[in-house]
Amino acid sequence: MRKVGLMGLRPQGSKWNVTKDLAILADELGYSCITMGEAWGEDAFTSLAQISAITNKIKIGTSIVPVYARTPANLAMTALNMDVMSGGRFFLGLGSSGKLVIEDFHGEKFVRPLARMREYIKYIRNALQGNRLDHDGEFFTTKRFRLRFPAFRENLPIYLASLTPLSLKMTGELADGWLPIFYAPGRMGASYGKINEGAENAGRSLADIRVSPQVSIYVTDNREGALERERPHIAFYIGGMGTFYHEYMHRIGFGEEADVIRKKYLAGDRFGAASSVTDDMVSSTTLIGNPEECSSQMEKYFEDGVDEIRLVFNEQNSEAYKSAIEAMAAFI
């Protein structure tokens, strides 16, 4: 049985009750997880807390919460409480986000993200072990802090959303899992190499890190329509989300295309940027087709070393969203 989860569960323009109904359905259909991130929409933890209360088996996790938006003590309390509430079904997905989101939206300085992440992980793991935290770090100083309720289990999994070579190396060294975006089967050798390097430096192996990419999916017979809808999404990340995704596209073999896209995007030509996203870029990172075709494309991810896929459905209304989830469940 393949592990196939869901990311987001929020059809465009739908009410929250639709998301709750879809979460119950996903649990019944055997999907492996539901993850939710946060940037400029709803926060992840409130949504996941409700979902944990109405589901029984499905894992729940953040994908991602940025470490600049909360103190490590707050994150530790929230993560531990989520794991207790869900009966051990929770995992904590962390990321640094980027300068645009952190400085413009949160009002925090985006400095030394890797060092900050490292300090957060150490702090959270100590807190979850019930240790007293008289912590004097580079970014935070705390005194007399200790979580006052017991953990559900000894080790709560921490996943990292990493793209850069140094952050991938840190993922291999410290994390339980990796949450990549724009994963391209057959093109990830450099990323896996860095994760393995970090793992070996810490006396671990690549097998110790679960790989769970979020993958955009269009369940449709209209391939051209799906390509056109996905192009602006990719262009936005390359041109509008700092330099990380632009550099990442270079590492997976789309450097020339990414240079053109970013140049047009930063010049204000959003349409031209999206139009410059090639069919190959979309096809390499996206599932498009009828359910059987999407299932066949998913197999390439598992053959490439992925442990679990988290599907991001792009249906344009709640009924189509539900139908697509039901159709793909047959191929879990």
C-alpha atoms as a PDB file:
ATOM      1  CA  MET A   1       0.000   0.000   0.000  1.00  0.00           C
ATOM      2  CA  ARG A   2       1.452   3.350  -1.057  1.00  0.00           C
ATOM      3  CA  LYS A   3       1.409   6.216   1.405  1.00  0.00           C
ATOM      4  CA  VAL A   4      -0.542   9.052  -0.202  1.00  0.00           C
ATOM      5  CA  GLY A   5      -1.602  12.068   1.826  1.00  0.00           C
ATOM      6  CA  LEU A   6      -3.244  15.407   1.234  1.00  0.00           C
ATOM      7  CA  MET A   7      -1.947  18.927   1.609  1.00  0.00           C
ATOM      8  CA  GLY A   8      -4.296  21.868   2.143  1.00  0.00           C
ATOM      9  CA  LEU A   9      -7.822  20.421   1.841  1.00  0.00           C
ATOM     10  CA  ARG A  10      -9.320  23.826   1.094  1.00  0.00           C
ATOM     11  CA  PRO A  11     -11.166  24.039  -2.237  1.00  0.00           C
ATOM     12  CA  GLN A  12     -11.098  27.562  -3.631  1.00  0.00           C
ATOM     13  CA  GLY A  13     -13.766  29.773  -2.081  1.00  0.00           C
ATOM     14  CA  SER A  14     -15.220  27.008   0.090  1.00  0.00           C
ATOM     15  CA  LYS A  15     -16.493  27.188   3.673  1.00  0.00           C
ATOM     16  CA  TRP A  16     -14.621  25.575   6.546  1.00  0.00           C
ATOM     17  CA  ASN A  17     -17.326  22.917   6.885  1.00  0.00           C
ATOM     18  CA  VAL A  18     -16.295  21.632   3.452  1.00  0.00           C
ATOM     19  CA  THR A  19     -12.753  21.115   4.709  1.00  0.00           C
ATOM     20  CA  LYS A  20     -14.029  19.238   7.748  1.00  0.00           C
ATOM     21  CA  ASP A  21     -16.180  16.964   5.597  1.00  0.00           C
ATOM     22  CA  LEU A  22     -13.246  16.312   3.272  1.00  0.00           C
ATOM     23  CA  ALA A  23     -10.999  15.473   6.244  1.00  0.00           C
ATOM     24  CA  ILE A  24     -13.493  12.871   7.475  1.00  0.00           C
ATOM     25  CA  LEU A  25     -13.722  11.455   3.959  1.00  0.00           C
ATOM     26  CA  ALA A  26      -9.926  11.316   3.593  1.00  0.00           C
ATOM     27  CA  ASP A  27      -9.677   9.442   6.893  1.00  0.00           C
ATOM     28  CA  GLU A  28     -12.280   6.921   5.744  1.00  0.00           C
ATOM     29  CA  LEU A  29     -10.665   6.479   2.322  1.00  0.00           C
ATOM     30  CA  GLY A  30      -7.277   5.581   3.784  1.00  0.00           C
ATOM     31  CA  TYR A  31      -5.163   8.616   2.943  1.00  0.00           C
ATOM     32  CA  SER A  32      -2.012   8.663   5.070  1.00  0.00           C
ATOM     33  CA  CYS A  33      -1.920  12.267   6.250  1.00  0.00           C
ATOM     34  CA  ILE A  34      -3.369  15.753   6.081  1.00  0.00           C
ATOM     35  CA  THR A  35      -0.916  18.626   6.263  1.00  0.00           C
ATOM     36  CA  MET A  36      -1.481  22.366   6.366  1.00  0.00           C
ATOM     37  CA  GLY A  37       0.946  25.235   6.068  1.00  0.00           C
ATOM     38  CA  GLU A  38       0.714  28.889   6.839  1.00  0.00           C
ATOM     39  CA  ALA A  39       2.000  32.036   5.207  1.00  0.00           C
ATOM     40  CA  TRP A  40      -0.738  34.620   4.665  1.00  0.00           C
ATOM     41  CA  GLY A  41      -3.924  32.588   5.155  1.00  0.00           C
ATOM     42  CA  GLU A  42      -5.323  30.682   8.098  1.00  0.00           C
ATOM     43  CA  ASP A  43      -2.885  29.416  10.714  1.00  0.00           C
ATOM     44  CA  ALA A  44      -2.075  25.717  10.550  1.00  0.00           C
ATOM     45  CA  PHE A  45      -2.572  24.669  14.160  1.00  0.00           C
ATOM     46  CA  THR A  46      -6.153  25.872  14.600  1.00  0.00           C
ATOM     47  CA  SER A  47      -7.205  24.044  11.448  1.00  0.00           C
ATOM     48  CA  LEU A  48      -5.342  20.861  12.342  1.00  0.00           C
ATOM     49  CA  ALA A  49      -6.738  20.854  15.885  1.00  0.00           C
ATOM     50  CA  GLN A  50     -10.269  20.732  14.503  1.00  0.00           C
ATOM     51  CA  ILE A  51      -9.315  18.039  12.017  1.00  0.00           C
ATOM     52  CA  SER A  52      -7.712  15.920  14.745  1.00  0.00           C
ATOM     53  CA  ALA A  53     -10.966  16.039  16.707  1.00  0.00           C
ATOM     54  CA  ILE A  54     -13.087  14.616  13.869  1.00  0.00           C
ATOM     55  CA  THR A  55     -10.688  11.998  12.456  1.00  0.00           C
ATOM     56  CA  ASN A  56      -9.378   8.734  13.877  1.00  0.00           C
ATOM     57  CA  LYS A  57      -6.483   7.249  11.916  1.00  0.00           C
ATOM     58  CA  ILE A  58      -5.011   9.814   9.538  1.00  0.00           C
ATOM     59  CA  LYS A  59      -1.791  11.591  10.493  1.00  0.00           C
ATOM     60  CA  ILE A  60      -1.817  15.380  10.742  1.00  0.00           C
ATOM     61  CA  GLY A  61       1.096  17.739  10.369  1.00  0.00           C
ATOM     62  CA  THR A  62       2.272  21.234   9.578  1.00  0.00           C
ATOM     63  CA  SER A  63       3.771  21.901   6.185  1.00  0.00           C
ATOM     64  CA  ILE A  64       5.133  24.283   7.112  1.00  0.00           C
ATOM     65  CA  VAL A  65       5.161  26.737  10.008  1.00  0.00           C
ATOM     66  CA  PRO A  66       8.009  29.271   9.842  1.00  0.00           C
ATOM     67  CA  VAL A  67      10.276  29.412  12.867  1.00  0.00           C
ATOM     68  CA  TYR A  68      10.311  33.214  12.809  1.00  0.00           C
ATOM     69  CA  ALA A  69       6.586  33.492  13.574  1.00  0.00           C
ATOM     70  CA  ARG A  70       6.566  31.887  17.046  1.00  0.00           C
ATOM     71  CA  THR A  71       8.941  31.511  19.971  1.00  0.00           C
ATOM     72  CA  PRO A  72      10.435  28.051  20.411  1.00  0.00           C
ATOM     73  CA  ALA A  73       8.621  27.691  23.753  1.00  0.00           C
ATOM     74  CA  ASN A  74       5.301  28.435  22.059  1.00  0.00           C
ATOM     75  CA  LEU A  75       6.032  25.977  19.251  1.00  0.00           C
ATOM     76  CA  ALA A  76       6.998  23.270  21.742  1.00  0.00           C
ATOM     77  CA  MET A  77       3.800  23.757  23.762  1.00  0.00           C
ATOM     78  CA  THR A  78       1.637  23.750  20.644  1.00  0.00           C
ATOM     79  CA  ALA A  79       3.298  20.733  19.037  1.00  0.00           C
ATOM     80  CA  LEU A  80       3.153  18.645  22.192  1.00  0.00           C
ATOM     81  CA  ASN A  81      -0.488  19.575  22.777  1.00  0.00           C
ATOM     82  CA  MET A  82      -1.360  18.688  19.170  1.00  0.00           C
ATOM     83  CA  ASP A  83       0.258  15.275  19.606  1.00  0.00           C
ATOM     84  CA  VAL A  84      -1.631  14.639  22.833  1.00  0.00           C
ATOM     85  CA  MET A  85      -4.938  15.787  21.306  1.00  0.00           C
ATOM     86  CA  SER A  86      -4.496  13.608  18.217  1.00  0.00           C
ATOM     87  CA  GLY A  87      -3.326  10.523  20.061  1.00  0.00           C
ATOM     88  CA  GLY A  88       0.168  10.551  18.615  1.00  0.00           C
ATOM     89  CA  ARG A  89      -0.813  11.326  15.022  1.00  0.00           C
ATOM     90  CA  PHE A  90       0.941  14.700  14.783  1.00  0.00           C
ATOM     91  CA  PHE A  91       4.241  15.666  13.187  1.00  0.00           C
ATOM     92  CA  LEU A  92       5.836  19.112  13.207  1.00  0.00           C
ATOM     93  CA  GLY A  93       6.919  20.503   9.847  1.00  0.00           C
ATOM     94  CA  LEU A  94       9.216  23.511  10.130  1.00  0.00           C
ATOM     95  CA  GLY A  95      10.720  25.928   7.645  1.00  0.00           C
ATOM     96  CA  SER A  96      12.456  29.266   7.509  1.00  0.00           C
ATOM     97  CA  SER A  97      10.152  30.741   4.850  1.00  0.00           C
ATOM     98  CA  GLY A  98      11.790  33.749   3.172  1.00  0.00           C
ATOM     99  CA  LYS A  99      12.680  37.392   3.586  1.00  0.00           C
ATOM    100  CA  LEU A 100       9.473  38.656   1.951  1.00  0.00           C
ATOM    101  CA  VAL A 101       7.135  36.736   4.249  1.00  0.00           C
ATOM    102  CA  ILE A 102       9.137  37.110   7.454  1.00  0.00           C
ATOM    103  CA  GLU A 103      10.071  40.789   7.216  1.00  0.00           C
ATOM    104  CA  ASP A 104       7.038  42.207   5.396  1.00  0.00           C
ATOM    105  CA  PHE A 105       4.312  40.062   6.956  1.00  0.00           C
ATOM    106  CA  HIS A 106       5.694  39.264  10.411  1.00  0.00           C
ATOM    107  CA  GLY A 107       7.956  42.238  11.019  1.00  0.00           C
ATOM    108  CA  GLU A 108      10.917  40.060  12.019  1.00  0.00           C
ATOM    109  CA  LYS A 109      14.446  40.296  10.654  1.00  0.00           C
ATOM    110  CA  PHE A 110      15.279  37.401   8.341  1.00  0.00           C
ATOM    111  CA  VAL A 111      18.831  36.722   9.522  1.00  0.00           C
ATOM    112  CA  ARG A 112      20.849  33.503   9.818  1.00  0.00           C
ATOM    113  CA  PRO A 113      17.899  31.181   9.080  1.00  0.00           C
ATOM    114  CA  LEU A 114      19.870  27.941   9.352  1.00  0.00           C
ATOM    115  CA  ALA A 115      21.387  28.835  12.709  1.00  0.00           C
ATOM    116  CA  ARG A 116      17.953  29.857  13.954  1.00  0.00           C
ATOM    117  CA  MET A 117      16.418  26.597  12.768  1.00  0.00           C
ATOM    118  CA  ARG A 118      19.145  24.582  14.459  1.00  0.00           C
ATOM    119  CA  GLU A 119      18.547  26.395  17.750  1.00  0.00           C
ATOM    120  CA  TYR A 120      14.778  25.893  17.458  1.00  0.00           C
ATOM    121  CA  ILE A 121      15.094  22.158  16.859  1.00  0.00           C
ATOM    122  CA  LYS A 122      17.426  21.709  19.832  1.00  0.00           C
ATOM    123  CA  TYR A 123      15.124  23.760  22.063  1.00  0.00           C
ATOM    124  CA  ILE A 124      11.920  22.002  20.976  1.00  0.00           C
ATOM    125  CA  ARG A 125      13.410  18.528  21.387  1.00  0.00           C
ATOM    126  CA  ASN A 126      14.639  19.385  24.882  1.00  0.00           C
ATOM    127  CA  ALA A 127      11.250  20.828  25.795  1.00  0.00           C
ATOM    128  CA  LEU A 128       9.420  17.752  24.514  1.00  0.00           C
ATOM    129  CA  GLN A 129      11.628  15.579  26.719  1.00  0.00           C
ATOM    130  CA  GLY A 130      10.327  17.457  29.748  1.00  0.00           C
ATOM    131  CA  ASN A 131      13.654  19.114  30.459  1.00  0.00           C
ATOM    132  CA  ARG A 132      13.919  22.439  32.262  1.00  0.00           C
ATOM    133  CA  LEU A 133      15.107  25.000  29.758  1.00  0.00           C
ATOM    134  CA  ASP A 134      17.474  27.582  31.109  1.00  0.00           C
ATOM    135  CA  HIS A 135      18.471  28.390  27.567  1.00  0.00           C
ATOM    136  CA  ASP A 136      21.028  31.005  26.568  1.00  0.00           C
ATOM    137  CA  GLY A 137      21.294  30.851  22.797  1.00  0.00           C
ATOM    138  CA  GLU A 138      22.165  33.078  19.880  1.00  0.00           C
ATOM    139  CA  PHE A 139      18.534  33.989  19.259  1.00  0.00           C
ATOM    140  CA  PHE A 140      16.675  33.275  22.510  1.00  0.00           C
ATOM    141  CA  THR A 141      17.274  33.301  26.226  1.00  0.00           C
ATOM    142  CA  THR A 142      14.758  31.591  28.500  1.00  0.00           C
ATOM    143  CA  LYS A 143      14.734  30.791  32.201  1.00  0.00           C
ATOM    144  CA  ARG A 144      12.837  28.235  34.277  1.00  0.00           C
ATOM    145  CA  PHE A 145      10.735  27.017  31.332  1.00  0.00           C
ATOM    146  CA  ARG A 146       9.418  23.458  31.476  1.00  0.00           C
ATOM    147  CA  LEU A 147       6.352  21.943  29.837  1.00  0.00           C
ATOM    148  CA  ARG A 148       3.838  21.104  32.554  1.00  0.00           C
ATOM    149  CA  PHE A 149       2.018  18.202  30.939  1.00  0.00           C
ATOM    150  CA  PRO A 150       3.369  14.834  29.780  1.00  0.00           C
ATOM    151  CA  ALA A 151       4.122  13.995  26.188  1.00  0.00           C
ATOM    152  CA  PHE A 152       2.081  11.338  24.407  1.00  0.00           C
ATOM    153  CA  ARG A 153       5.282   9.641  23.205  1.00  0.00           C
ATOM    154  CA  GLU A 154       9.010  10.033  23.620  1.00  0.00           C
ATOM    155  CA  ASN A 155       9.845  11.328  20.158  1.00  0.00           C
ATOM    156  CA  LEU A 156       7.601  13.617  18.146  1.00  0.00           C
ATOM    157  CA  PRO A 157       8.761  13.657  14.493  1.00  0.00           C
ATOM    158  CA  ILE A 158      10.181  16.926  13.169  1.00  0.00           C
ATOM    159  CA  TYR A 159      10.222  17.417   9.392  1.00  0.00           C
ATOM    160  CA  LEU A 160      12.074  20.198   7.593  1.00  0.00           C
ATOM    161  CA  ALA A 161      11.145  21.991   4.387  1.00  0.00           C
ATOM    162  CA  SER A 162      14.586  22.535   2.888  1.00  0.00           C
ATOM    163  CA  LEU A 163      15.895  23.506  -0.537  1.00  0.00           C
ATOM    164  CA  THR A 164      19.411  24.932  -0.263  1.00  0.00           C
ATOM    165  CA  PRO A 165      22.482  22.683  -0.032  1.00  0.00           C
ATOM    166  CA  LEU A 166      23.236  23.734   3.556  1.00  0.00           C
ATOM    167  CA  SER A 167      19.645  23.319   4.721  1.00  0.00           C
ATOM    168  CA  LEU A 168      19.462  19.896   3.062  1.00  0.00           C
ATOM    169  CA  LYS A 169      22.621  18.894   4.870  1.00  0.00           C
ATOM    170  CA  MET A 170      21.059  20.033   8.154  1.00  0.00           C
ATOM    171  CA  THR A 171      17.943  17.996   7.325  1.00  0.00           C
ATOM    172  CA  GLY A 172      20.069  14.879   7.074  1.00  0.00           C
ATOM    173  CA  GLU A 173      21.800  15.715  10.331  1.00  0.00           C
ATOM    174  CA  LEU A 174      18.823  16.667  12.517  1.00  0.00           C
ATOM    175  CA  ALA A 175      15.408  15.920  11.020  1.00  0.00           C
ATOM    176  CA  ASP A 176      13.107  12.924  10.986  1.00  0.00           C
ATOM    177  CA  GLY A 177      11.692  13.877   7.606  1.00  0.00           C
ATOM    178  CA  TRP A 178      12.000  16.131   4.562  1.00  0.00           C
ATOM    179  CA  LEU A 179       9.128  18.160   3.056  1.00  0.00           C
ATOM    180  CA  PRO A 180      10.251  19.217  -0.435  1.00  0.00           C
ATOM    181  CA  ILE A 181       8.233  21.184  -2.973  1.00  0.00           C
ATOM    182  CA  PHE A 182       8.627  20.972  -6.778  1.00  0.00           C
ATOM    183  CA  TYR A 183      10.132  17.533  -6.388  1.00  0.00           C
ATOM    184  CA  ALA A 184      11.221  16.263  -9.825  1.00  0.00           C
ATOM    185  CA  PRO A 185      11.812  12.496 -10.012  1.00  0.00           C
ATOM    186  CA  GLY A 186      15.109  11.670 -11.664  1.00  0.00           C
ATOM    187  CA  ARG A 187      16.530  15.136 -10.983  1.00  0.00           C
ATOM    188  CA  MET A 188      17.011  15.033  -7.198  1.00  0.00           C
ATOM    189  CA  GLY A 189      20.469  13.504  -6.987  1.00  0.00           C
ATOM    190  CA  ALA A 190      22.141  16.680  -5.697  1.00  0.00           C
ATOM    191  CA  SER A 191      19.507  17.120  -2.980  1.00  0.00           C
ATOM    192  CA  TYR A 192      19.737  13.519  -1.824  1.00  0.00           C
ATOM    193  CA  GLY A 193      23.496  13.790  -1.834  1.00  0.00           C
ATOM    194  CA  LYS A 194      23.445  16.716   0.591  1.00  0.00           C
ATOM    195  CA  ILE A 195      20.903  15.034   2.875  1.00  0.00           C
ATOM    196  CA  ASN A 196      23.031  11.896   2.930  1.00  0.00           C
ATOM    197  CA  GLU A 197      26.144  13.930   3.675  1.00  0.00           C
ATOM    198  CA  GLY A 198      24.486  15.494   6.711  1.00  0.00           C
ATOM    199  CA  ALA A 199      23.119  12.158   7.855  1.00  0.00           C
ATOM    200  CA  GLU A 200      26.506  10.441   7.658  1.00  0.00           C
ATOM    201  CA  ASN A 201      28.161  13.287   9.580  1.00  0.00           C
ATOM    202  CA  ALA A 202      25.660  12.637  12.385  1.00  0.00           C
ATOM    203  CA  GLY A 203      26.123   8.859  12.333  1.00  0.00           C
ATOM    204  CA  ARG A 204      22.857   8.319  10.513  1.00  0.00           C
ATOM    205  CA  SER A 205      21.817   7.240   7.021  1.00  0.00           C
ATOM    206  CA  LEU A 206      19.431   8.438   4.343  1.00  0.00           C
ATOM    207  CA  ALA A 207      17.020   5.706   5.487  1.00  0.00           C
ATOM    208  CA  ASP A 208      16.507   7.619   8.746  1.00  0.00           C
ATOM    209  CA  ILE A 209      14.814  10.526   6.916  1.00  0.00           C
ATOM    210  CA  ARG A 210      11.294  10.128   5.559  1.00  0.00           C
ATOM    211  CA  VAL A 211      10.778  11.949   2.261  1.00  0.00           C
ATOM    212  CA  SER A 212       7.309  13.463   1.823  1.00  0.00           C
ATOM    213  CA  PRO A 213       7.002  15.975  -1.031  1.00  0.00           C
ATOM    214  CA  GLN A 214       3.897  18.028  -1.721  1.00  0.00           C
ATOM    215  CA  VAL A 215       2.906  17.457  -5.328  1.00  0.00           C
ATOM    216  CA  SER A 216       0.382  19.473  -7.305  1.00  0.00           C
ATOM    217  CA  ILE A 217      -2.200  17.296  -9.073  1.00  0.00           C
ATOM    218  CA  TYR A 218      -4.780  17.987 -11.792  1.00  0.00           C
ATOM    219  CA  VAL A 219      -7.221  15.110 -12.252  1.00  0.00           C
ATOM    220  CA  THR A 220      -8.391  15.965 -15.735  1.00  0.00           C
ATOM    221  CA  ASP A 221      -8.418  14.982 -19.395  1.00  0.00           C
ATOM    222  CA  ASN A 222      -7.641  18.603 -20.320  1.00  0.00           C
ATOM    223  CA  ARG A 223      -3.866  18.479 -20.185  1.00  0.00           C
ATOM    224  CA  GLU A 224      -3.325  21.854 -21.858  1.00  0.00           C
ATOM    225  CA  GLY A 225      -5.674  23.544 -19.418  1.00  0.00           C
ATOM    226  CA  ALA A 226      -3.803  22.059 -16.477  1.00  0.00           C
ATOM    227  CA  LEU A 227      -0.447  23.175 -17.874  1.00  0.00           C
ATOM    228  CA  GLU A 228      -1.729  26.729 -18.234  1.00  0.00           C
ATOM    229  CA  ARG A 229      -3.096  26.780 -14.689  1.00  0.00           C
ATOM    230  CA  GLU A 230       0.128  25.500 -13.148  1.00  0.00           C
ATOM    231  CA  ARG A 231       2.523  27.860 -14.963  1.00  0.00           C
ATOM    232  CA  PRO A 232       1.702  30.966 -12.849  1.00  0.00           C
ATOM    233  CA  HIS A 233       2.154  28.940  -9.657  1.00  0.00           C
ATOM    234  CA  ILE A 234       5.683  27.918 -10.598  1.00  0.00           C
ATOM    235  CA  ALA A 235       6.521  31.394 -11.917  1.00  0.00           C
ATOM    236  CA  PHE A 236       5.400  32.988  -8.637  1.00  0.00           C
ATOM    237  CA  TYR A 237       7.790  30.866  -6.585  1.00  0.00           C
ATOM    238  CA  ILE A 238      10.721  31.433  -8.945  1.00  0.00           C
ATOM    239  CA  GLY A 239      10.178  35.165  -9.311  1.00  0.00           C
ATOM    240  CA  GLY A 240       8.277  36.272  -6.240  1.00  0.00           C
ATOM    241  CA  MET A 241       9.583  34.218  -3.312  1.00  0.00           C
ATOM    242  CA  GLY A 242      13.181  35.331  -3.002  1.00  0.00           C
ATOM    243  CA  THR A 243      16.133  33.487  -4.511  1.00  0.00           C
ATOM    244  CA  PHE A 244      15.744  29.995  -3.026  1.00  0.00           C
ATOM    245  CA  TYR A 245      13.405  28.530  -5.646  1.00  0.00           C
ATOM    246  CA  HIS A 246      15.266  30.184  -8.499  1.00  0.00           C
ATOM    247  CA  GLU A 247      18.514  28.600  -7.348  1.00  0.00           C
ATOM    248  CA  TYR A 248      16.779  25.282  -6.738  1.00  0.00           C
ATOM    249  CA  MET A 249      15.525  25.205 -10.324  1.00  0.00           C
ATOM    250  CA  HIS A 250      19.144  25.528 -11.436  1.00  0.00           C
ATOM    251  CA  ARG A 251      20.033  22.459  -9.374  1.00  0.00           C
ATOM    252  CA  ILE A 252      17.321  20.304 -10.960  1.00  0.00           C
ATOM    253  CA  GLY A 253      18.244  21.258 -14.506  1.00  0.00           C
ATOM    254  CA  PHE A 254      15.956  24.196 -15.297  1.00  0.00           C
ATOM    255  CA  GLY A 255      18.469  27.011 -14.810  1.00  0.00           C
ATOM    256  CA  GLU A 256      18.114  28.786 -18.148  1.00  0.00           C
ATOM    257  CA  GLU A 257      14.341  28.712 -17.958  1.00  0.00           C
ATOM    258  CA  ALA A 258      14.367  29.958 -14.354  1.00  0.00           C
ATOM    259  CA  ASP A 259      16.633  32.901 -15.283  1.00  0.00           C
ATOM    260  CA  VAL A 260      14.168  34.043 -17.944  1.00  0.00           C
ATOM    261  CA  ILE A 261      11.161  33.580 -15.662  1.00  0.00           C
ATOM    262  CA  ARG A 262      12.707  35.494 -12.771  1.00  0.00           C
ATOM    263  CA  LYS A 263      13.876  38.353 -14.977  1.00  0.00           C
ATOM    264  CA  LYS A 264      10.390  38.828 -16.428  1.00  0.00           C
ATOM    265  CA  TYR A 265       8.680  38.466 -13.058  1.00  0.00           C
ATOM    266  CA  LEU A 266      10.880  41.066 -11.370  1.00  0.00           C
ATOM    267  CA  ALA A 267      10.294  43.421 -14.300  1.00  0.00           C
ATOM    268  CA  GLY A 268       6.566  43.243 -13.603  1.00  0.00           C
ATOM    269  CA  ASP A 269       5.738  40.985 -16.548  1.00  0.00           C
ATOM    270  CA  ARG A 270       3.800  38.313 -14.649  1.00  0.00           C
ATOM    271  CA  PHE A 271       2.112  36.985 -17.787  1.00  0.00           C
ATOM    272  CA  GLY A 272       5.437  36.704 -19.612  1.00  0.00           C
ATOM    273  CA  ALA A 273       6.989  34.962 -16.623  1.00  0.00           C
ATOM    274  CA  ALA A 274       4.200  32.393 -16.483  1.00  0.00           C
ATOM    275  CA  SER A 275       4.346  31.874 -20.242  1.00  0.00           C
ATOM    276  CA  SER A 276       8.062  31.108 -19.921  1.00  0.00           C
ATOM    277  CA  VAL A 277       7.405  28.139 -17.636  1.00  0.00           C
ATOM    278  CA  THR A 278       7.919  25.241 -20.025  1.00  0.00           C
ATOM    279  CA  ASP A 279       5.774  22.134 -20.395  1.00  0.00           C
ATOM    280  CA  ASP A 280       8.746  20.103 -19.168  1.00  0.00           C
ATOM    281  CA  MET A 281       9.014  22.148 -15.958  1.00  0.00           C
ATOM    282  CA  VAL A 282       5.351  21.546 -15.202  1.00  0.00           C
ATOM    283  CA  SER A 283       5.351  17.874 -16.179  1.00  0.00           C
ATOM    284  CA  SER A 284       8.477  17.161 -14.132  1.00  0.00           C
ATOM    285  CA  THR A 285       6.936  18.480 -10.895  1.00  0.00           C
ATOM    286  CA  THR A 286       3.177  17.991 -11.364  1.00  0.00           C
ATOM    287  CA  LEU A 287       0.697  15.150 -11.832  1.00  0.00           C
ATOM    288  CA  ILE A 288      -1.719  15.655 -14.733  1.00  0.00           C
ATOM    289  CA  GLY A 289      -4.201  13.258 -16.278  1.00  0.00           C
ATOM    290  CA  ASN A 290      -7.021  10.890 -15.488  1.00  0.00           C
ATOM    291  CA  PRO A 291      -6.751   8.912 -12.219  1.00  0.00           C
ATOM    292  CA  GLU A 292      -4.904   6.011 -13.836  1.00  0.00           C
ATOM    293  CA  GLU A 293      -2.396   8.324 -15.497  1.00  0.00           C
ATOM    294  CA  CYS A 294      -1.807  10.284 -12.278  1.00  0.00           C
ATOM    295  CA  SER A 295      -1.288   7.026 -10.405  1.00  0.00           C
ATOM    296  CA  SER A 296       1.299   5.907 -12.958  1.00  0.00           C
ATOM    297  CA  GLN A 297       3.102   9.241 -12.608  1.00  0.00           C
ATOM    298  CA  MET A 298       3.076   8.898  -8.802  1.00  0.00           C
ATOM    299  CA  GLU A 299       4.968   5.634  -9.083  1.00  0.00           C
ATOM    300  CA  LYS A 300       7.973   7.538 -10.434  1.00  0.00           C
ATOM    301  CA  TYR A 301       8.190   9.379  -7.104  1.00  0.00           C
ATOM    302  CA  PHE A 302       8.195   6.187  -5.047  1.00  0.00           C
ATOM    303  CA  GLU A 303      10.786   4.633  -7.348  1.00  0.00           C
ATOM    304  CA  ASP A 304      12.927   7.753  -6.832  1.00  0.00           C
ATOM    305  CA  GLY A 305      13.073   7.310  -3.042  1.00  0.00           C
ATOM    306  CA  VAL A 306       9.923   9.063  -1.831  1.00  0.00           C
ATOM    307  CA  ASP A 307       8.189   7.518   1.195  1.00  0.00           C
ATOM    308  CA  GLU A 308       4.945   9.466   1.026  1.00  0.00           C
ATOM    309  CA  ILE A 309       3.328  11.862  -1.452  1.00  0.00           C
ATOM    310  CA  ARG A 310       1.102  14.696  -0.237  1.00  0.00           C
ATOM    311  CA  LEU A 311      -1.234  15.655  -3.063  1.00  0.00           C
ATOM    312  CA  VAL A 312      -2.291  19.264  -3.606  1.00  0.00           C
ATOM    313  CA  PHE A 313      -5.565  19.060  -5.554  1.00  0.00           C
ATOM    314  CA  ASN A 314      -6.452  21.957  -7.837  1.00  0.00           C
ATOM    315  CA  GLU A 315     -10.143  21.338  -8.464  1.00  0.00           C
ATOM    316  CA  GLN A 316     -12.120  24.564  -8.780  1.00  0.00           C
ATOM    317  CA  ASN A 317     -15.156  23.693  -6.674  1.00  0.00           C
ATOM    318  CA  SER A 318     -15.869  21.503  -3.670  1.00  0.00           C
ATOM    319  CA  GLU A 319     -17.806  18.812  -5.554  1.00  0.00           C
ATOM    320  CA  ALA A 320     -15.016  18.352  -8.096  1.00  0.00           C
ATOM    321  CA  TYR A 321     -12.503  18.325  -5.247  1.00  0.00           C
ATOM    322  CA  LYS A 322     -14.406  15.551  -3.468  1.00  0.00           C
ATOM    323  CA  SER A 323     -14.739  13.531  -6.680  1.00  0.00           C
ATOM    324  CA  ALA A 324     -11.011  13.803  -7.380  1.00  0.00           C
ATOM    325  CA  ILE A 325     -10.094  12.676  -3.865  1.00  0.00           C
ATOM    326  CA  GLU A 326     -12.436   9.704  -4.174  1.00  0.00           C
ATOM    327  CA  ALA A 327     -11.076   8.803  -7.608  1.00  0.00           C
ATOM    328  CA  MET A 328      -7.438   8.878  -6.513  1.00  0.00           C
ATOM    329  CA  ALA A 329      -8.154   6.882  -3.340  1.00  0.00           C
ATOM    330  CA  ALA A 330      -8.594   3.813  -5.532  1.00  0.00           C
ATOM    331  CA  PHE A 331      -4.851   4.003  -6.313  1.00  0.00           C
ATOM    332  CA  ILE A 332      -3.480   4.335  -2.796  1.00  0.00           C
END
